[in-house]
PDB file of N, CA and C in Angstrom:
ATOM      1  N   MET A   1     127.045 -23.562  85.437  1.00  0.00           N
ATOM      2  CA  MET A   1     125.967 -23.455  86.388  1.00  0.00           C
ATOM      3  C   MET A   1     125.119 -22.228  86.013  1.00  0.00           C
ATOM      4  N   THR A   2     123.821 -22.355  86.108  1.00  0.00           N
ATOM      5  CA  THR A   2     122.939 -21.245  85.782  1.00  0.00           C
ATOM      6  C   THR A   2     122.903 -20.231  86.921  1.00  0.00           C
ATOM      7  N   ILE A   3     122.372 -19.060  86.639  1.00  0.00           N
ATOM      8  CA  ILE A   3     122.224 -18.042  87.683  1.00  0.00           C
ATOM      9  C   ILE A   3     121.316 -18.582  88.782  1.00  0.00           C
ATOM     10  N   ARG A   4     120.217 -19.214  88.399  1.00  0.00           N
ATOM     11  CA  ARG A   4     119.290 -19.788  89.373  1.00  0.00           C
ATOM     12  C   ARG A   4     120.005 -20.773  90.308  1.00  0.00           C
ATOM     13  N   SER A   5     120.713 -21.702  89.734  1.00  0.00           N
ATOM     14  CA  SER A   5     121.380 -22.714  90.562  1.00  0.00           C
ATOM     15  C   SER A   5     122.489 -22.095  91.400  1.00  0.00           C
ATOM     16  N   THR A   6     123.192 -21.106  90.867  1.00  0.00           N
ATOM     17  CA  THR A   6     124.236 -20.425  91.635  1.00  0.00           C
ATOM     18  C   THR A   6     123.641 -19.753  92.865  1.00  0.00           C
ATOM     19  N   ILE A   7     122.506 -19.089  92.698  1.00  0.00           N
ATOM     20  CA  ILE A   7     121.856 -18.424  93.822  1.00  0.00           C
ATOM     21  C   ILE A   7     121.380 -19.446  94.854  1.00  0.00           C
ATOM     22  N   LEU A   8     120.705 -20.486  94.399  1.00  0.00           N
ATOM     23  CA  LEU A   8     120.165 -21.483  95.328  1.00  0.00           C
ATOM     24  C   LEU A   8     121.267 -22.239  96.072  1.00  0.00           C
ATOM     25  N   VAL A   9     122.329 -22.593  95.365  1.00  0.00           N
ATOM     26  CA  VAL A   9     123.451 -23.287  96.014  1.00  0.00           C
ATOM     27  C   VAL A   9     124.094 -22.381  97.062  1.00  0.00           C
ATOM     28  N   ASN A  10     124.252 -21.104  96.732  1.00  0.00           N
ATOM     29  CA  ASN A  10     124.862 -20.187  97.694  1.00  0.00           C
ATOM     30  C   ASN A  10     123.970 -19.952  98.902  1.00  0.00           C
ATOM     31  N   ILE A  11     122.671 -19.911  98.714  1.00  0.00           N
ATOM     32  CA  ILE A  11     121.760 -19.793  99.865  1.00  0.00           C
ATOM     33  C   ILE A  11     121.956 -20.983 100.794  1.00  0.00           C
ATOM     34  N   GLN A  12     122.038 -22.171 100.231  1.00  0.00           N
ATOM     35  CA  GLN A  12     122.229 -23.378 101.037  1.00  0.00           C
ATOM     36  C   GLN A  12     123.575 -23.374 101.756  1.00  0.00           C
ATOM     37  N   LYS A  13     124.630 -22.973 101.067  1.00  0.00           N
ATOM     38  CA  LYS A  13     125.961 -22.937 101.674  1.00  0.00           C
ATOM     39  C   LYS A  13     126.029 -21.917 102.803  1.00  0.00           C
ATOM     40  N   ILE A  14     125.454 -20.752 102.581  1.00  0.00           N
ATOM     41  CA  ILE A  14     125.475 -19.704 103.605  1.00  0.00           C
ATOM     42  C   ILE A  14     124.649 -20.129 104.811  1.00  0.00           C
ATOM     43  N   ALA A  15     123.499 -20.728 104.567  1.00  0.00           N
ATOM     44  CA  ALA A  15     122.674 -21.213 105.667  1.00  0.00           C
ATOM     45  C   ALA A  15     123.440 -22.226 106.516  1.00  0.00           C
ATOM     46  N   ALA A  16     124.148 -23.122 105.865  1.00  0.00           N
ATOM     47  CA  ALA A  16     124.932 -24.119 106.598  1.00  0.00           C
ATOM     48  C   ALA A  16     126.068 -23.460 107.374  1.00  0.00           C
ATOM     49  N   ALA A  17     126.755 -22.521 106.747  1.00  0.00           N
ATOM     50  CA  ALA A  17     127.890 -21.861 107.396  1.00  0.00           C
ATOM     51  C   ALA A  17     127.464 -21.050 108.620  1.00  0.00           C
ATOM     52  N   TYR A  18     126.273 -20.462 108.556  1.00  0.00           N
ATOM     53  CA  TYR A  18     125.779 -19.630 109.658  1.00  0.00           C
ATOM     54  C   TYR A  18     124.749 -20.359 110.517  1.00  0.00           C
ATOM     55  N   GLU A  19     124.670 -21.676 110.319  1.00  0.00           N
ATOM     56  CA  GLU A  19     123.790 -22.539 111.102  1.00  0.00           C
ATOM     57  C   GLU A  19     122.354 -22.028 111.137  1.00  0.00           C
ATOM     58  N   ARG A  20     121.833 -21.720 109.955  1.00  0.00           N
ATOM     59  CA  ARG A  20     120.449 -21.256 109.805  1.00  0.00           C
ATOM     60  C   ARG A  20     119.617 -22.389 109.217  1.00  0.00           C
ATOM     61  N   ASP A  21     118.402 -22.510 109.691  1.00  0.00           N
ATOM     62  CA  ASP A  21     117.453 -23.459 109.110  1.00  0.00           C
ATOM     63  C   ASP A  21     116.732 -22.737 107.986  1.00  0.00           C
ATOM     64  N   ILE A  22     116.917 -23.230 106.775  1.00  0.00           N
ATOM     65  CA  ILE A  22     116.270 -22.577 105.633  1.00  0.00           C
ATOM     66  C   ILE A  22     114.959 -23.275 105.305  1.00  0.00           C
ATOM     67  N   ALA A  23     114.147 -22.608 104.518  1.00  0.00           N
ATOM     68  CA  ALA A  23     112.869 -23.163 104.093  1.00  0.00           C
ATOM     69  C   ALA A  23     113.094 -24.528 103.444  1.00  0.00           C
ATOM     70  N   ALA A  24     112.199 -25.441 103.705  1.00  0.00           N
ATOM     71  CA  ALA A  24     112.329 -26.800 103.179  1.00  0.00           C
ATOM     72  C   ALA A  24     112.377 -26.812 101.652  1.00  0.00           C
ATOM     73  N   SER A  25     111.615 -25.934 101.062  1.00  0.00           N
ATOM     74  CA  SER A  25     111.576 -25.843  99.602  1.00  0.00           C
ATOM     75  C   SER A  25     111.925 -24.418  99.194  1.00  0.00           C
ATOM     76  N   LEU A  26     113.047 -24.244  98.562  1.00  0.00           N
ATOM     77  CA  LEU A  26     113.463 -22.909  98.115  1.00  0.00           C
ATOM     78  C   LEU A  26     112.897 -22.650  96.723  1.00  0.00           C
ATOM     79  N   ASN A  27     111.579 -22.526  96.646  1.00  0.00           N
ATOM     80  CA  ASN A  27     110.963 -22.258  95.347  1.00  0.00           C
ATOM     81  C   ASN A  27     110.767 -20.759  95.161  1.00  0.00           C
ATOM     82  N   ASP A  28     110.342 -20.385  93.978  1.00  0.00           N
ATOM     83  CA  ASP A  28     110.226 -18.967  93.620  1.00  0.00           C
ATOM     84  C   ASP A  28     109.260 -18.190  94.497  1.00  0.00           C
ATOM     85  N   ASP A  29     108.293 -18.846  95.087  1.00  0.00           N
ATOM     86  CA  ASP A  29     107.278 -18.154  95.867  1.00  0.00           C
ATOM     87  C   ASP A  29     107.668 -17.908  97.327  1.00  0.00           C
ATOM     88  N   VAL A  30     108.761 -18.471  97.778  1.00  0.00           N
ATOM     89  CA  VAL A  30     109.182 -18.285  99.169  1.00  0.00           C
ATOM     90  C   VAL A  30     109.679 -16.854  99.355  1.00  0.00           C
ATOM     91  N   ALA A  31     109.091 -16.175 100.317  1.00  0.00           N
ATOM     92  CA  ALA A  31     109.532 -14.810 100.631  1.00  0.00           C
ATOM     93  C   ALA A  31     110.941 -14.865 101.200  1.00  0.00           C
ATOM     94  N   LEU A  32     111.774 -13.937 100.799  1.00  0.00           N
ATOM     95  CA  LEU A  32     113.143 -13.899 101.328  1.00  0.00           C
ATOM     96  C   LEU A  32     113.126 -13.809 102.846  1.00  0.00           C
ATOM     97  N   PHE A  33     112.166 -13.067 103.377  1.00  0.00           N
ATOM     98  CA  PHE A  33     112.018 -12.925 104.829  1.00  0.00           C
ATOM     99  C   PHE A  33     111.762 -14.279 105.500  1.00  0.00           C
ATOM    100  N   ASP A  34     111.094 -15.190 104.785  1.00  0.00           N
ATOM    101  CA  ASP A  34     110.756 -16.511 105.323  1.00  0.00           C
ATOM    102  C   ASP A  34     111.745 -17.598 104.921  1.00  0.00           C
ATOM    103  N   SER A  35     112.806 -17.219 104.232  1.00  0.00           N
ATOM    104  CA  SER A  35     113.759 -18.213 103.731  1.00  0.00           C
ATOM    105  C   SER A  35     114.617 -18.825 104.829  1.00  0.00           C
ATOM    106  N   GLY A  36     114.746 -18.123 105.946  1.00  0.00           N
ATOM    107  CA  GLY A  36     115.587 -18.607 107.037  1.00  0.00           C
ATOM    108  C   GLY A  36     116.891 -17.835 107.156  1.00  0.00           C
ATOM    109  N   LEU A  37     117.219 -17.023 106.160  1.00  0.00           N
ATOM    110  CA  LEU A  37     118.434 -16.218 106.208  1.00  0.00           C
ATOM    111  C   LEU A  37     118.141 -14.874 106.871  1.00  0.00           C
ATOM    112  N   ASP A  38     119.117 -14.360 107.599  1.00  0.00           N
ATOM    113  CA  ASP A  38     118.964 -13.038 108.195  1.00  0.00           C
ATOM    114  C   ASP A  38     119.703 -12.005 107.346  1.00  0.00           C
ATOM    115  N   SER A  39     119.744 -10.759 107.811  1.00  0.00           N
ATOM    116  CA  SER A  39     120.337  -9.685 107.007  1.00  0.00           C
ATOM    117  C   SER A  39     121.836  -9.901 106.775  1.00  0.00           C
ATOM    118  N   LEU A  40     122.546 -10.439 107.743  1.00  0.00           N
ATOM    119  CA  LEU A  40     123.974 -10.727 107.548  1.00  0.00           C
ATOM    120  C   LEU A  40     124.143 -11.784 106.452  1.00  0.00           C
ATOM    121  N   CYS A  41     123.315 -12.810 106.484  1.00  0.00           N
ATOM    122  CA  CYS A  41     123.391 -13.857 105.473  1.00  0.00           C
ATOM    123  C   CYS A  41     123.103 -13.298 104.076  1.00  0.00           C
ATOM    124  N   PHE A  42     122.132 -12.380 103.979  1.00  0.00           N
ATOM    125  CA  PHE A  42     121.843 -11.775 102.678  1.00  0.00           C
ATOM    126  C   PHE A  42     123.002 -10.920 102.191  1.00  0.00           C
ATOM    127  N   ALA A  43     123.656 -10.228 103.104  1.00  0.00           N
ATOM    128  CA  ALA A  43     124.826  -9.428 102.718  1.00  0.00           C
ATOM    129  C   ALA A  43     125.928 -10.343 102.177  1.00  0.00           C
ATOM    130  N   VAL A  44     126.148 -11.449 102.841  1.00  0.00           N
ATOM    131  CA  VAL A  44     127.145 -12.424 102.380  1.00  0.00           C
ATOM    132  C   VAL A  44     126.735 -12.977 101.016  1.00  0.00           C
ATOM    133  N   LEU A  45     125.455 -13.258 100.849  1.00  0.00           N
ATOM    134  CA  LEU A  45     124.957 -13.770  99.568  1.00  0.00           C
ATOM    135  C   LEU A  45     125.228 -12.786  98.440  1.00  0.00           C
ATOM    136  N   VAL A  46     124.940 -11.514  98.664  1.00  0.00           N
ATOM    137  CA  VAL A  46     125.145 -10.496  97.627  1.00  0.00           C
ATOM    138  C   VAL A  46     126.621 -10.402  97.248  1.00  0.00           C
ATOM    139  N   VAL A  47     127.497 -10.445  98.235  1.00  0.00           N
ATOM    140  CA  VAL A  47     128.941 -10.375  97.963  1.00  0.00           C
ATOM    141  C   VAL A  47     129.396 -11.603  97.188  1.00  0.00           C
ATOM    142  N   ARG A  48     128.945 -12.770  97.590  1.00  0.00           N
ATOM    143  CA  ARG A  48     129.329 -14.000  96.877  1.00  0.00           C
ATOM    144  C   ARG A  48     128.827 -13.982  95.436  1.00  0.00           C
ATOM    145  N   LEU A  49     127.585 -13.529  95.258  1.00  0.00           N
ATOM    146  CA  LEU A  49     127.036 -13.493  93.898  1.00  0.00           C
ATOM    147  C   LEU A  49     127.791 -12.494  93.033  1.00  0.00           C
ATOM    148  N   GLU A  50     128.191 -11.385  93.616  1.00  0.00           N
ATOM    149  CA  GLU A  50     128.985 -10.425  92.837  1.00  0.00           C
ATOM    150  C   GLU A  50     130.321 -11.050  92.435  1.00  0.00           C
ATOM    151  N   ASP A  51     130.948 -11.777  93.358  1.00  0.00           N
ATOM    152  CA  ASP A  51     132.219 -12.445  93.046  1.00  0.00           C
ATOM    153  C   ASP A  51     132.044 -13.515  91.968  1.00  0.00           C
ATOM    154  N   GLU A  52     131.012 -14.332  92.099  1.00  0.00           N
ATOM    155  CA  GLU A  52     130.836 -15.455  91.183  1.00  0.00           C
ATOM    156  C   GLU A  52     130.217 -15.068  89.845  1.00  0.00           C
ATOM    157  N   LEU A  53     129.274 -14.138  89.875  1.00  0.00           N
ATOM    158  CA  LEU A  53     128.548 -13.789  88.652  1.00  0.00           C
ATOM    159  C   LEU A  53     129.013 -12.480  88.029  1.00  0.00           C
ATOM    160  N   GLY A  54     129.742 -11.683  88.808  1.00  0.00           N
ATOM    161  CA  GLY A  54     130.179 -10.380  88.310  1.00  0.00           C
ATOM    162  C   GLY A  54     129.028  -9.399  88.185  1.00  0.00           C
ATOM    163  N   LEU A  55     127.979  -9.623  88.962  1.00  0.00           N
ATOM    164  CA  LEU A  55     126.790  -8.780  88.901  1.00  0.00           C
ATOM    165  C   LEU A  55     126.448  -8.232  90.281  1.00  0.00           C
ATOM    166  N   ASP A  56     125.984  -6.982  90.315  1.00  0.00           N
ATOM    167  CA  ASP A  56     125.484  -6.391  91.551  1.00  0.00           C
ATOM    168  C   ASP A  56     124.238  -5.567  91.244  1.00  0.00           C
ATOM    169  N   PRO A  57     123.154  -6.238  90.836  1.00  0.00           N
ATOM    170  CA  PRO A  57     121.949  -5.501  90.456  1.00  0.00           C
ATOM    171  C   PRO A  57     121.257  -4.833  91.633  1.00  0.00           C
ATOM    172  N   LEU A  58     121.555  -5.256  92.841  1.00  0.00           N
ATOM    173  CA  LEU A  58     120.903  -4.670  94.009  1.00  0.00           C
ATOM    174  C   LEU A  58     121.364  -3.246  94.278  1.00  0.00           C
ATOM    175  N   SER A  59     122.507  -2.869  93.743  1.00  0.00           N
ATOM    176  CA  SER A  59     123.006  -1.512  93.973  1.00  0.00           C
ATOM    177  C   SER A  59     122.220  -0.470  93.198  1.00  0.00           C
ATOM    178  N   SER A  60     121.428  -0.907  92.224  1.00  0.00           N
ATOM    179  CA  SER A  60     120.714   0.055  91.391  1.00  0.00           C
ATOM    180  C   SER A  60     119.190  -0.097  91.445  1.00  0.00           C
ATOM    181  N   VAL A  61     118.686  -0.862  92.391  1.00  0.00           N
ATOM    182  CA  VAL A  61     117.234  -1.010  92.508  1.00  0.00           C
ATOM    183  C   VAL A  61     116.713  -0.179  93.668  1.00  0.00           C
ATOM    184  N   ALA A  62     115.508   0.321  93.491  1.00  0.00           N
ATOM    185  CA  ALA A  62     114.892   1.124  94.545  1.00  0.00           C
ATOM    186  C   ALA A  62     114.178   0.245  95.566  1.00  0.00           C
ATOM    187  N   LYS A  63     113.787  -0.939  95.137  1.00  0.00           N
ATOM    188  CA  LYS A  63     113.025  -1.835  96.005  1.00  0.00           C
ATOM    189  C   LYS A  63     113.702  -3.201  96.030  1.00  0.00           C
ATOM    190  N   PHE A  64     113.984  -3.691  97.226  1.00  0.00           N
ATOM    191  CA  PHE A  64     114.610  -4.992  97.388  1.00  0.00           C
ATOM    192  C   PHE A  64     113.628  -6.084  96.972  1.00  0.00           C
ATOM    193  N   PRO A  65     114.095  -7.149  96.310  1.00  0.00           N
ATOM    194  CA  PRO A  65     113.218  -8.248  95.902  1.00  0.00           C
ATOM    195  C   PRO A  65     112.495  -8.856  97.112  1.00  0.00           C
ATOM    196  N   VAL A  66     111.287  -9.322  96.898  1.00  0.00           N
ATOM    197  CA  VAL A  66     110.472  -9.862  97.993  1.00  0.00           C
ATOM    198  C   VAL A  66     110.595 -11.379  98.101  1.00  0.00           C
ATOM    199  N   THR A  67     110.644 -12.054  96.975  1.00  0.00           N
ATOM    200  CA  THR A  67     110.693 -13.519  96.971  1.00  0.00           C
ATOM    201  C   THR A  67     112.004 -14.016  96.354  1.00  0.00           C
ATOM    202  N   ILE A  68     112.245 -15.293  96.532  1.00  0.00           N
ATOM    203  CA  ILE A  68     113.414 -15.901  95.903  1.00  0.00           C
ATOM    204  C   ILE A  68     113.313 -15.769  94.386  1.00  0.00           C
ATOM    205  N   GLY A  69     112.119 -15.938  93.857  1.00  0.00           N
ATOM    206  CA  GLY A  69     111.915 -15.781  92.415  1.00  0.00           C
ATOM    207  C   GLY A  69     112.242 -14.372  91.947  1.00  0.00           C
ATOM    208  N   ASP A  70     111.849 -13.368  92.738  1.00  0.00           N
ATOM    209  CA  ASP A  70     112.174 -11.973  92.402  1.00  0.00           C
ATOM    210  C   ASP A  70     113.688 -11.760  92.368  1.00  0.00           C
ATOM    211  N   LEU A  71     114.381 -12.347  93.334  1.00  0.00           N
ATOM    212  CA  LEU A  71     115.837 -12.207  93.406  1.00  0.00           C
ATOM    213  C   LEU A  71     116.494 -12.847  92.183  1.00  0.00           C
ATOM    214  N   ILE A  72     116.044 -14.034  91.838  1.00  0.00           N
ATOM    215  CA  ILE A  72     116.597 -14.738  90.676  1.00  0.00           C
ATOM    216  C   ILE A  72     116.340 -13.940  89.400  1.00  0.00           C
ATOM    217  N   LYS A  73     115.119 -13.451  89.222  1.00  0.00           N
ATOM    218  CA  LYS A  73     114.787 -12.666  88.028  1.00  0.00           C
ATOM    219  C   LYS A  73     115.638 -11.410  87.948  1.00  0.00           C
ATOM    220  N   LEU A  74     115.864 -10.757  89.070  1.00  0.00           N
ATOM    221  CA  LEU A  74     116.685  -9.550  89.089  1.00  0.00           C
ATOM    222  C   LEU A  74     118.087  -9.842  88.565  1.00  0.00           C
ATOM    223  N   TYR A  75     118.692 -10.942  89.027  1.00  0.00           N
ATOM    224  CA  TYR A  75     120.027 -11.308  88.557  1.00  0.00           C
ATOM    225  C   TYR A  75     120.006 -11.759  87.104  1.00  0.00           C
ATOM    226  N   GLU A  76     119.000 -12.524  86.717  1.00  0.00           N
ATOM    227  CA  GLU A  76     118.914 -12.975  85.322  1.00  0.00           C
ATOM    228  C   GLU A  76     118.741 -11.789  84.374  1.00  0.00           C
ATOM    229  N   ASN A  77     117.889 -10.839  84.732  1.00  0.00           N
ATOM    230  CA  ASN A  77     117.678  -9.670  83.895  1.00  0.00           C
ATOM    231  C   ASN A  77     118.935  -8.808  83.835  1.00  0.00           C
ATOM    232  N   SER A  78     119.652  -8.702  84.919  1.00  0.00           N
ATOM    233  CA  SER A  78     120.882  -7.924  84.949  1.00  0.00           C
ATOM    234  C   SER A  78     121.941  -8.553  84.032  1.00  0.00           C
ATOM    235  N   ALA A  79     121.970  -9.872  83.979  1.00  0.00           N
ATOM    236  CA  ALA A  79     122.946 -10.570  83.139  1.00  0.00           C
ATOM    237  C   ALA A  79     122.672 -10.340  81.657  1.00  0.00           C
ATOM    238  N   LYS A  80     121.411 -10.087  81.300  1.00  0.00           N
ATOM    239  CA  LYS A  80     121.034  -9.871  79.910  1.00  0.00           C
ATOM    240  C   LYS A  80     121.420  -8.476  79.400  1.00  0.00           C
ATOM    241  N   GLN A  81     121.652  -7.559  80.302  1.00  0.00           N
ATOM    242  CA  GLN A  81     121.944  -6.180  79.913  1.00  0.00           C
ATOM    243  C   GLN A  81     123.384  -5.983  79.551  1.00  0.00           C
TER     244      GLN A  81
END
């Protein structure tokens, strides 16, 4: 599974587990704020991604990603390092 698909699948799973309505289309331009997930859901997402991907790029960034595309790029770039 790619980093992109891992992130998107986990967003969907977390939304279902926490009974959140997520954006109809989880494309790169959707703002994380508008995705339907709240701060608890994002915390769960970060922990799951660290477990599954072995990456925690958010611990070293000064600015949190704004869109889903930004989040995906952050993880993809971290995997390349």
